[in-house]
Every structure is written in C-alpha cells, then in structure tokens.
Protein backbone atom coordinates (compact mmCIF):
# COMPACT_ATOMS: atom_id res chain seq x y z
CA MET A 1 -9.12 -33.57 15.21
CA ASP A 2 -7.83 -30.51 16.98
CA ILE A 3 -4.25 -30.93 18.19
CA ALA A 4 -4.78 -28.74 21.28
CA LYS A 5 -7.79 -30.84 22.41
CA LEU A 6 -5.88 -34.07 21.84
CA GLN A 7 -2.92 -32.77 23.84
CA ALA A 8 -5.21 -31.69 26.70
CA LYS A 9 -6.90 -35.12 26.77
CA LEU A 10 -3.57 -36.96 26.79
CA LEU A 11 -2.19 -34.78 29.59
CA ALA A 12 -5.36 -35.27 31.66
CA ALA A 13 -5.16 -39.06 31.18
CA ALA A 14 -1.49 -39.04 32.17
CA ARG A 15 -2.23 -37.06 35.34
CA HIS A 16 -4.83 -39.60 36.45
CA GLU A 17 -2.38 -42.50 36.18
CA PRO A 18 -0.55 -43.39 39.40
CA ALA A 19 3.22 -42.93 39.50
CA ASP A 20 5.18 -46.04 38.61
CA ASP A 21 7.90 -47.15 41.03
CA ARG A 22 9.80 -49.01 38.31
CA VAL A 23 11.24 -45.78 36.86
CA PRO A 24 14.75 -45.22 38.23
CA TYR A 25 15.50 -42.17 40.33
CA ALA A 26 16.38 -39.02 38.28
CA PHE A 27 15.71 -40.82 35.01
CA GLU A 28 14.42 -37.67 33.34
CA GLN A 29 17.50 -35.65 34.29
CA ARG A 30 19.84 -38.28 32.89
CA ILE A 31 17.95 -38.43 29.60
CA MET A 32 17.85 -34.64 29.27
CA ALA A 33 21.58 -34.39 30.06
CA ARG A 34 22.35 -36.96 27.37
CA ILE A 35 20.24 -35.06 24.83
CA ARG A 36 21.98 -31.77 25.66
CA ARG A 37 25.42 -33.36 25.44
CA ARG A 38 24.61 -34.89 22.08
CA GLY A 39 23.25 -31.64 20.70
CA SER A 40 26.42 -30.41 19.01
CA LEU A 41 26.96 -31.81 15.54
CA ASP A 42 30.46 -32.64 14.36
CA ARG A 43 30.27 -31.55 10.73
CA TRP A 44 33.77 -32.76 9.86
CA GLY A 45 32.97 -36.17 11.31
CA VAL A 46 29.81 -36.45 9.24
CA TRP A 47 31.70 -35.35 6.13
CA ALA A 48 34.48 -37.91 6.74
CA ARG A 49 31.94 -40.70 7.26
CA TRP A 50 30.20 -39.82 3.99
CA MET A 51 33.49 -39.79 2.11
CA TRP A 52 34.49 -43.22 3.42
CA GLN A 53 31.07 -44.59 2.49
CA ALA A 54 31.42 -43.13 -1.01
CA ALA A 55 34.91 -44.57 -1.50
CA VAL A 56 33.71 -48.17 -1.87
CA PRO A 57 31.26 -47.52 -4.74
CA CYS A 58 33.81 -45.29 -6.48
CA LEU A 59 36.43 -48.01 -6.26
CA GLY A 60 33.97 -50.56 -7.65
CA LEU A 61 33.05 -48.25 -10.51
CA THR A 62 36.73 -47.71 -11.28
CA VAL A 63 37.36 -51.46 -11.45
CA VAL A 64 34.37 -52.01 -13.73
CA LEU A 65 35.35 -49.17 -16.08
CA CYS A 66 38.98 -50.36 -16.25
CA ALA A 67 37.84 -53.88 -17.09
CA LEU A 68 35.52 -52.48 -19.75
CA ALA A 69 38.30 -50.34 -21.23
CA PHE A 70 40.75 -53.23 -21.44
CA SER A 71 38.19 -55.64 -22.85
CA THR A 72 37.05 -53.32 -25.67
CA ARG A 73 40.38 -52.08 -26.96
CA PRO A 74 41.19 -53.16 -30.52
CA GLN A 75 43.48 -56.13 -30.96
CA SER A 76 45.29 -54.91 -34.08
CA ALA A 77 48.74 -56.18 -35.03
CA SER A 78 49.32 -53.41 -37.58
CA ARG A 79 49.83 -50.83 -34.85
CA PRO A 80 53.35 -50.37 -33.41
CA PRO A 81 53.85 -51.17 -29.74
CA LEU A 82 53.11 -48.51 -27.14
CA SER A 83 56.78 -48.06 -26.24
CA GLU A 84 57.61 -47.24 -29.85
CA GLN A 85 54.70 -44.79 -30.09
CA PHE A 86 55.85 -43.06 -26.92
CA GLU A 87 59.43 -42.80 -28.16
CA THR A 88 58.30 -41.33 -31.48
CA ALA A 89 56.07 -38.76 -29.79
CA PHE A 90 58.75 -37.84 -27.27
CA TYR A 91 61.51 -37.34 -29.81
CA ALA A 92 59.18 -35.50 -32.20
CA ALA A 93 58.97 -32.69 -29.67
CA LEU A 94 62.77 -32.51 -29.42
CA ASP A 95 63.43 -32.66 -33.16
CA THR A 96 64.60 -29.16 -34.21
CA SER A 97 65.73 -29.97 -37.73
CA GLU A 98 62.27 -29.36 -39.21
CA GLY A 99 61.31 -26.47 -36.95
CA SER A 100 61.59 -22.74 -37.56
CA TRP A 101 64.42 -22.20 -35.07
C-alpha cells in the first residue's frame, strides 16, 4: 500500500470526526513543550547510569572468580608458608654478596 494514500485517507477520516470536548485546553502545546524540554540528552548521565548497572555483574564475577581461585589452589604441605616465600624473595633482591657490585 502506498504510504501517501494511506496518510491522505487517515487525515480525511480525522477531519470528518467531530472535536472531542474531553481533551483539556492547550493539551497539544503542553505535550510539545515537554518534548522540546526533554530533547537534550545528558551524555554523562547516561554514561554514569551504564557504569552503575555494569558494577553489579562485575562484582558478582569477581566473587565467583575469587571463590574458584581459592577452591582450586593446591593443598600441598611441602611448600613453605607464603610469609617465608615473601621474605626470601624480598631479601634476595637486597643480597649483594653474590652480585657483581
């Protein structure tokens, strides 16, 4: 169907309808003023809303991955404790007796 013909038929049908008294006075002007006022888009507001909506899934993913990491680590008693490993690695960098200084 041709869009121009359809538009002409709809406009003709609307013109033949009597005016309705139930529509408030200046209704069209109020609607158009609201549309014009709402026309500007706050890009920073949209960006902030998206970031807050993305924070919840990211937090959930972080919790799941942390739980997975702690549940799959090896439970070996032959390894020294983490504090001892840290101390060894820290002092290895400061040890100058074996270096070429």
